[in-house]
Amino acid sequence: MPVMSSNHALEERIAHLERELSDLSDVVSRQETEISTLLRRVRLLLEREAERETSDGDGVPLADQKPPHW
């Protein structure tokens, strides 16, 4: 195989890999943003549920109560 076509094949492969790396980087960045948003939402939901359980009159959130068999 001539050196010229070997270099060309390597350059093509590197260009392809650089494109794939850039695409994957974009995906990871987007997923990081989505995960952060989801974590914030879960925290808010947990806080709301804890407030709701506390306001139900028992005074102790259900998550903090020991199960009946303890």
PDB file of N, CA and C in Angstrom:
ATOM      1  N   MET A   1       0.848  -1.179   0.000  1.00  0.00           N
ATOM      2  CA  MET A   1       0.000   0.000   0.000  1.00  0.00           C
ATOM      3  C   MET A   1       0.892   1.240   0.000  1.00  0.00           C
ATOM      4  N   PRO A   2       0.654   2.156  -0.932  1.00  0.00           N
ATOM      5  CA  PRO A   2       1.483   3.369  -0.984  1.00  0.00           C
ATOM      6  C   PRO A   2       1.300   4.211   0.268  1.00  0.00           C
ATOM      7  N   VAL A   3       2.353   4.922   0.601  1.00  0.00           N
ATOM      8  CA  VAL A   3       2.345   5.762   1.790  1.00  0.00           C
ATOM      9  C   VAL A   3       1.273   6.850   1.685  1.00  0.00           C
ATOM     10  N   MET A   4       1.083   7.393   0.494  1.00  0.00           N
ATOM     11  CA  MET A   4       0.129   8.476   0.298  1.00  0.00           C
ATOM     12  C   MET A   4      -1.293   8.022   0.624  1.00  0.00           C
ATOM     13  N   SER A   5      -1.712   6.853   0.139  1.00  0.00           N
ATOM     14  CA  SER A   5      -3.074   6.413   0.407  1.00  0.00           C
ATOM     15  C   SER A   5      -3.213   5.982   1.859  1.00  0.00           C
ATOM     16  N   SER A   6      -2.144   5.493   2.460  1.00  0.00           N
ATOM     17  CA  SER A   6      -2.166   5.130   3.875  1.00  0.00           C
ATOM     18  C   SER A   6      -2.357   6.375   4.730  1.00  0.00           C
ATOM     19  N   ASN A   7      -1.649   7.442   4.422  1.00  0.00           N
ATOM     20  CA  ASN A   7      -1.804   8.709   5.144  1.00  0.00           C
ATOM     21  C   ASN A   7      -3.211   9.261   4.961  1.00  0.00           C
ATOM     22  N   HIS A   8      -3.718   9.165   3.746  1.00  0.00           N
ATOM     23  CA  HIS A   8      -5.053   9.665   3.470  1.00  0.00           C
ATOM     24  C   HIS A   8      -6.091   8.891   4.283  1.00  0.00           C
ATOM     25  N   ALA A   9      -5.944   7.585   4.356  1.00  0.00           N
ATOM     26  CA  ALA A   9      -6.872   6.758   5.125  1.00  0.00           C
ATOM     27  C   ALA A   9      -6.814   7.121   6.605  1.00  0.00           C
ATOM     28  N   LEU A  10      -5.618   7.344   7.119  1.00  0.00           N
ATOM     29  CA  LEU A  10      -5.463   7.739   8.520  1.00  0.00           C
ATOM     30  C   LEU A  10      -6.091   9.109   8.779  1.00  0.00           C
ATOM     31  N   GLU A  11      -5.875  10.044   7.859  1.00  0.00           N
ATOM     32  CA  GLU A  11      -6.463  11.372   8.010  1.00  0.00           C
ATOM     33  C   GLU A  11      -7.991  11.298   7.996  1.00  0.00           C
ATOM     34  N   GLU A  12      -8.546  10.458   7.125  1.00  0.00           N
ATOM     35  CA  GLU A  12      -9.998  10.271   7.090  1.00  0.00           C
ATOM     36  C   GLU A  12     -10.500   9.693   8.405  1.00  0.00           C
ATOM     37  N   ARG A  13      -9.794   8.701   8.895  1.00  0.00           N
ATOM     38  CA  ARG A  13     -10.190   8.049  10.153  1.00  0.00           C
ATOM     39  C   ARG A  13     -10.125   9.039  11.319  1.00  0.00           C
ATOM     40  N   ILE A  14      -9.081   9.848  11.371  1.00  0.00           N
ATOM     41  CA  ILE A  14      -8.942  10.851  12.436  1.00  0.00           C
ATOM     42  C   ILE A  14     -10.065  11.876  12.347  1.00  0.00           C
ATOM     43  N   ALA A  15     -10.389  12.329  11.142  1.00  0.00           N
ATOM     44  CA  ALA A  15     -11.472  13.303  10.958  1.00  0.00           C
ATOM     45  C   ALA A  15     -12.800  12.710  11.430  1.00  0.00           C
ATOM     46  N   HIS A  16     -13.034  11.449  11.101  1.00  0.00           N
ATOM     47  CA  HIS A  16     -14.258  10.780  11.526  1.00  0.00           C
ATOM     48  C   HIS A  16     -14.307  10.683  13.056  1.00  0.00           C
ATOM     49  N   LEU A  17     -13.211  10.290  13.662  1.00  0.00           N
ATOM     50  CA  LEU A  17     -13.163  10.158  15.120  1.00  0.00           C
ATOM     51  C   LEU A  17     -13.328  11.510  15.815  1.00  0.00           C
ATOM     52  N   GLU A  18     -12.754  12.561  15.252  1.00  0.00           N
ATOM     53  CA  GLU A  18     -12.923  13.897  15.827  1.00  0.00           C
ATOM     54  C   GLU A  18     -14.390  14.323  15.769  1.00  0.00           C
ATOM     55  N   ARG A  19     -15.069  14.003  14.679  1.00  0.00           N
ATOM     56  CA  ARG A  19     -16.488  14.333  14.546  1.00  0.00           C
ATOM     57  C   ARG A  19     -17.313  13.555  15.580  1.00  0.00           C
ATOM     58  N   GLU A  20     -17.026  12.272  15.724  1.00  0.00           N
ATOM     59  CA  GLU A  20     -17.729  11.439  16.702  1.00  0.00           C
ATOM     60  C   GLU A  20     -17.500  11.951  18.122  1.00  0.00           C
ATOM     61  N   LEU A  21     -16.276  12.335  18.423  1.00  0.00           N
ATOM     62  CA  LEU A  21     -15.948  12.867  19.745  1.00  0.00           C
ATOM     63  C   LEU A  21     -16.719  14.155  20.022  1.00  0.00           C
ATOM     64  N   SER A  22     -16.800  15.021  19.022  1.00  0.00           N
ATOM     65  CA  SER A  22     -17.549  16.260  19.175  1.00  0.00           C
ATOM     66  C   SER A  22     -19.032  15.977  19.403  1.00  0.00           C
ATOM     67  N   ASP A  23     -19.591  15.046  18.635  1.00  0.00           N
ATOM     68  CA  ASP A  23     -21.000  14.678  18.804  1.00  0.00           C
ATOM     69  C   ASP A  23     -21.258  14.107  20.192  1.00  0.00           C
ATOM     70  N   LEU A  24     -20.380  13.230  20.657  1.00  0.00           N
ATOM     71  CA  LEU A  24     -20.542  12.638  21.988  1.00  0.00           C
ATOM     72  C   LEU A  24     -20.412  13.686  23.088  1.00  0.00           C
ATOM     73  N   SER A  25     -19.522  14.629  22.883  1.00  0.00           N
ATOM     74  CA  SER A  25     -19.360  15.702  23.857  1.00  0.00           C
ATOM     75  C   SER A  25     -20.649  16.515  23.971  1.00  0.00           C
ATOM     76  N   ASP A  26     -21.287  16.773  22.835  1.00  0.00           N
ATOM     77  CA  ASP A  26     -22.563  17.502  22.838  1.00  0.00           C
ATOM     78  C   ASP A  26     -23.634  16.718  23.590  1.00  0.00           C
ATOM     79  N   VAL A  27     -23.669  15.413  23.373  1.00  0.00           N
ATOM     80  CA  VAL A  27     -24.660  14.565  24.045  1.00  0.00           C
ATOM     81  C   VAL A  27     -24.437  14.587  25.551  1.00  0.00           C
ATOM     82  N   VAL A  28     -23.206  14.437  25.975  1.00  0.00           N
ATOM     83  CA  VAL A  28     -22.887  14.435  27.405  1.00  0.00           C
ATOM     84  C   VAL A  28     -23.243  15.773  28.034  1.00  0.00           C
ATOM     85  N   SER A  29     -22.959  16.847  27.354  1.00  0.00           N
ATOM     86  CA  SER A  29     -23.291  18.177  27.867  1.00  0.00           C
ATOM     87  C   SER A  29     -24.805  18.332  28.029  1.00  0.00           C
ATOM     88  N   ARG A  30     -25.562  17.891  27.038  1.00  0.00           N
ATOM     89  CA  ARG A  30     -27.020  17.981  27.100  1.00  0.00           C
ATOM     90  C   ARG A  30     -27.560  17.101  28.233  1.00  0.00           C
ATOM     91  N   GLN A  31     -26.992  15.911  28.391  1.00  0.00           N
ATOM     92  CA  GLN A  31     -27.438  15.017  29.460  1.00  0.00           C
ATOM     93  C   GLN A  31     -27.129  15.598  30.834  1.00  0.00           C
ATOM     94  N   GLU A  32     -25.998  16.266  30.970  1.00  0.00           N
ATOM     95  CA  GLU A  32     -25.649  16.887  32.248  1.00  0.00           C
ATOM     96  C   GLU A  32     -26.689  17.943  32.630  1.00  0.00           C
ATOM     97  N   THR A  33     -27.099  18.738  31.653  1.00  0.00           N
ATOM     98  CA  THR A  33     -28.120  19.754  31.901  1.00  0.00           C
ATOM     99  C   THR A  33     -29.446  19.112  32.288  1.00  0.00           C
ATOM    100  N   GLU A  34     -29.827  18.064  31.561  1.00  0.00           N
ATOM    101  CA  GLU A  34     -31.089  17.380  31.856  1.00  0.00           C
ATOM    102  C   GLU A  34     -31.062  16.733  33.233  1.00  0.00           C
ATOM    103  N   ILE A  35     -29.950  16.119  33.597  1.00  0.00           N
ATOM    104  CA  ILE A  35     -29.829  15.478  34.908  1.00  0.00           C
ATOM    105  C   ILE A  35     -29.930  16.517  36.016  1.00  0.00           C
ATOM    106  N   SER A  36     -29.283  17.650  35.840  1.00  0.00           N
ATOM    107  CA  SER A  36     -29.360  18.715  36.843  1.00  0.00           C
ATOM    108  C   SER A  36     -30.795  19.181  37.024  1.00  0.00           C
ATOM    109  N   THR A  37     -31.500  19.362  35.917  1.00  0.00           N
ATOM    110  CA  THR A  37     -32.904  19.782  35.980  1.00  0.00           C
ATOM    111  C   THR A  37     -33.746  18.737  36.700  1.00  0.00           C
ATOM    112  N   LEU A  38     -33.550  17.483  36.356  1.00  0.00           N
ATOM    113  CA  LEU A  38     -34.319  16.400  36.991  1.00  0.00           C
ATOM    114  C   LEU A  38     -34.025  16.293  38.480  1.00  0.00           C
ATOM    115  N   LEU A  39     -32.772  16.455  38.866  1.00  0.00           N
ATOM    116  CA  LEU A  39     -32.420  16.404  40.292  1.00  0.00           C
ATOM    117  C   LEU A  39     -33.103  17.537  41.058  1.00  0.00           C
ATOM    118  N   ARG A  40     -33.122  18.733  40.478  1.00  0.00           N
ATOM    119  CA  ARG A  40     -33.813  19.858  41.118  1.00  0.00           C
ATOM    120  C   ARG A  40     -35.301  19.555  41.297  1.00  0.00           C
ATOM    121  N   ARG A  41     -35.897  18.995  40.262  1.00  0.00           N
ATOM    122  CA  ARG A  41     -37.325  18.672  40.329  1.00  0.00           C
ATOM    123  C   ARG A  41     -37.608  17.600  41.381  1.00  0.00           C
ATOM    124  N   VAL A  42     -36.773  16.594  41.447  1.00  0.00           N
ATOM    125  CA  VAL A  42     -36.966  15.542  42.452  1.00  0.00           C
ATOM    126  C   VAL A  42     -36.841  16.133  43.855  1.00  0.00           C
ATOM    127  N   ARG A  43     -35.845  16.998  44.074  1.00  0.00           N
ATOM    128  CA  ARG A  43     -35.699  17.640  45.386  1.00  0.00           C
ATOM    129  C   ARG A  43     -36.944  18.431  45.754  1.00  0.00           C
ATOM    130  N   LEU A  44     -37.459  19.192  44.795  1.00  0.00           N
ATOM    131  CA  LEU A  44     -38.672  19.975  45.051  1.00  0.00           C
ATOM    132  C   LEU A  44     -39.857  19.065  45.386  1.00  0.00           C
ATOM    133  N   LEU A  45     -40.003  17.987  44.646  1.00  0.00           N
ATOM    134  CA  LEU A  45     -41.096  17.054  44.914  1.00  0.00           C
ATOM    135  C   LEU A  45     -40.963  16.416  46.290  1.00  0.00           C
ATOM    136  N   LEU A  46     -39.742  16.059  46.667  1.00  0.00           N
ATOM    137  CA  LEU A  46     -39.525  15.481  47.996  1.00  0.00           C
ATOM    138  C   LEU A  46     -39.852  16.486  49.091  1.00  0.00           C
ATOM    139  N   GLU A  47     -39.455  17.734  48.885  1.00  0.00           N
ATOM    140  CA  GLU A  47     -39.769  18.772  49.868  1.00  0.00           C
ATOM    141  C   GLU A  47     -41.277  18.991  49.978  1.00  0.00           C
ATOM    142  N   ARG A  48     -41.945  19.042  48.836  1.00  0.00           N
ATOM    143  CA  ARG A  48     -43.399  19.233  48.854  1.00  0.00           C
ATOM    144  C   ARG A  48     -44.091  18.067  49.556  1.00  0.00           C
ATOM    145  N   GLU A  49     -43.654  16.870  49.284  1.00  0.00           N
ATOM    146  CA  GLU A  49     -44.270  15.701  49.910  1.00  0.00           C
ATOM    147  C   GLU A  49     -44.017  15.696  51.416  1.00  0.00           C
ATOM    148  N   ALA A  50     -42.819  16.069  51.831  1.00  0.00           N
ATOM    149  CA  ALA A  50     -42.518  16.140  53.264  1.00  0.00           C
ATOM    150  C   ALA A  50     -43.399  17.196  53.935  1.00  0.00           C
ATOM    151  N   GLU A  51     -43.574  18.343  53.272  1.00  0.00           N
ATOM    152  CA  GLU A  51     -44.447  19.393  53.822  1.00  0.00           C
ATOM    153  C   GLU A  51     -45.890  18.907  53.913  1.00  0.00           C
ATOM    154  N   ARG A  52     -46.337  18.198  52.886  1.00  0.00           N
ATOM    155  CA  ARG A  52     -47.703  17.689  52.870  1.00  0.00           C
ATOM    156  C   ARG A  52     -47.913  16.671  53.991  1.00  0.00           C
ATOM    157  N   GLU A  53     -46.953  15.783  54.167  1.00  0.00           N
ATOM    158  CA  GLU A  53     -47.067  14.778  55.229  1.00  0.00           C
ATOM    159  C   GLU A  53     -47.067  15.438  56.607  1.00  0.00           C
ATOM    160  N   THR A  54     -46.238  16.465  56.775  1.00  0.00           N
ATOM    161  CA  THR A  54     -46.172  17.167  58.053  1.00  0.00           C
ATOM    162  C   THR A  54     -47.477  17.905  58.328  1.00  0.00           C
ATOM    163  N   SER A  55     -48.062  18.482  57.296  1.00  0.00           N
ATOM    164  CA  SER A  55     -49.294  19.254  57.480  1.00  0.00           C
ATOM    165  C   SER A  55     -50.523  18.361  57.643  1.00  0.00           C
ATOM    166  N   ASP A  56     -50.386  17.056  57.439  1.00  0.00           N
ATOM    167  CA  ASP A  56     -51.519  16.140  57.603  1.00  0.00           C
ATOM    168  C   ASP A  56     -51.911  15.977  59.071  1.00  0.00           C
ATOM    169  N   GLY A  57     -51.090  16.463  59.975  1.00  0.00           N
ATOM    170  CA  GLY A  57     -51.456  16.442  61.376  1.00  0.00           C
ATOM    171  C   GLY A  57     -50.650  15.496  62.242  1.00  0.00           C
ATOM    172  N   ASP A  58     -49.968  14.545  61.681  1.00  0.00           N
ATOM    173  CA  ASP A  58     -49.174  13.614  62.483  1.00  0.00           C
ATOM    174  C   ASP A  58     -47.932  14.279  63.063  1.00  0.00           C
ATOM    175  N   GLY A  59     -47.421  15.275  62.387  1.00  0.00           N
ATOM    176  CA  GLY A  59     -46.260  15.991  62.889  1.00  0.00           C
ATOM    177  C   GLY A  59     -44.944  15.367  62.474  1.00  0.00           C
ATOM    178  N   VAL A  60     -44.933  14.070  62.179  1.00  0.00           N
ATOM    179  CA  VAL A  60     -43.700  13.405  61.757  1.00  0.00           C
ATOM    180  C   VAL A  60     -43.905  12.921  60.324  1.00  0.00           C
ATOM    181  N   PRO A  61     -43.032  13.327  59.398  1.00  0.00           N
ATOM    182  CA  PRO A  61     -43.179  12.855  58.026  1.00  0.00           C
ATOM    183  C   PRO A  61     -43.135  11.331  57.967  1.00  0.00           C
ATOM    184  N   LEU A  62     -43.923  10.769  57.081  1.00  0.00           N
ATOM    185  CA  LEU A  62     -44.008   9.326  56.944  1.00  0.00           C
ATOM    186  C   LEU A  62     -42.636   8.697  56.716  1.00  0.00           C
ATOM    187  N   ALA A  63     -41.791   9.365  55.970  1.00  0.00           N
ATOM    188  CA  ALA A  63     -40.461   8.824  55.684  1.00  0.00           C
ATOM    189  C   ALA A  63     -39.614   8.717  56.948  1.00  0.00           C
ATOM    190  N   ASP A  64     -39.908   9.516  57.966  1.00  0.00           N
ATOM    191  CA  ASP A  64     -39.127   9.496  59.200  1.00  0.00           C
ATOM    192  C   ASP A  64     -39.741   8.601  60.273  1.00  0.00           C
ATOM    193  N   GLN A  65     -40.900   8.038  60.012  1.00  0.00           N
ATOM    194  CA  GLN A  65     -41.546   7.176  60.999  1.00  0.00           C
ATOM    195  C   GLN A  65     -40.976   5.760  60.900  1.00  0.00           C
ATOM    196  N   LYS A  66     -40.860   5.093  62.054  1.00  0.00           N
ATOM    197  CA  LYS A  66     -40.397   3.706  62.041  1.00  0.00           C
ATOM    198  C   LYS A  66     -41.553   2.817  61.602  1.00  0.00           C
ATOM    199  N   PRO A  67     -41.249   1.761  60.879  1.00  0.00           N
ATOM    200  CA  PRO A  67     -42.293   0.833  60.486  1.00  0.00           C
ATOM    201  C   PRO A  67     -42.943   0.193  61.710  1.00  0.00           C
ATOM    202  N   PRO A  68     -44.173  -0.269  61.608  1.00  0.00           N
ATOM    203  CA  PRO A  68     -44.904  -0.805  62.775  1.00  0.00           C
ATOM    204  C   PRO A  68     -44.217  -2.000  63.415  1.00  0.00           C
ATOM    205  N   HIS A  69     -43.432  -2.764  62.667  1.00  0.00           N
ATOM    206  CA  HIS A  69     -42.803  -3.953  63.248  1.00  0.00           C
ATOM    207  C   HIS A  69     -41.537  -3.636  64.036  1.00  0.00           C
ATOM    208  N   TRP A  70     -41.160  -2.371  64.189  1.00  0.00           N
ATOM    209  CA  TRP A  70     -39.948  -2.008  64.937  1.00  0.00           C
ATOM    210  C   TRP A  70     -40.293  -1.737  66.348  1.00  0.00           C
TER     211      TRP A  70
END
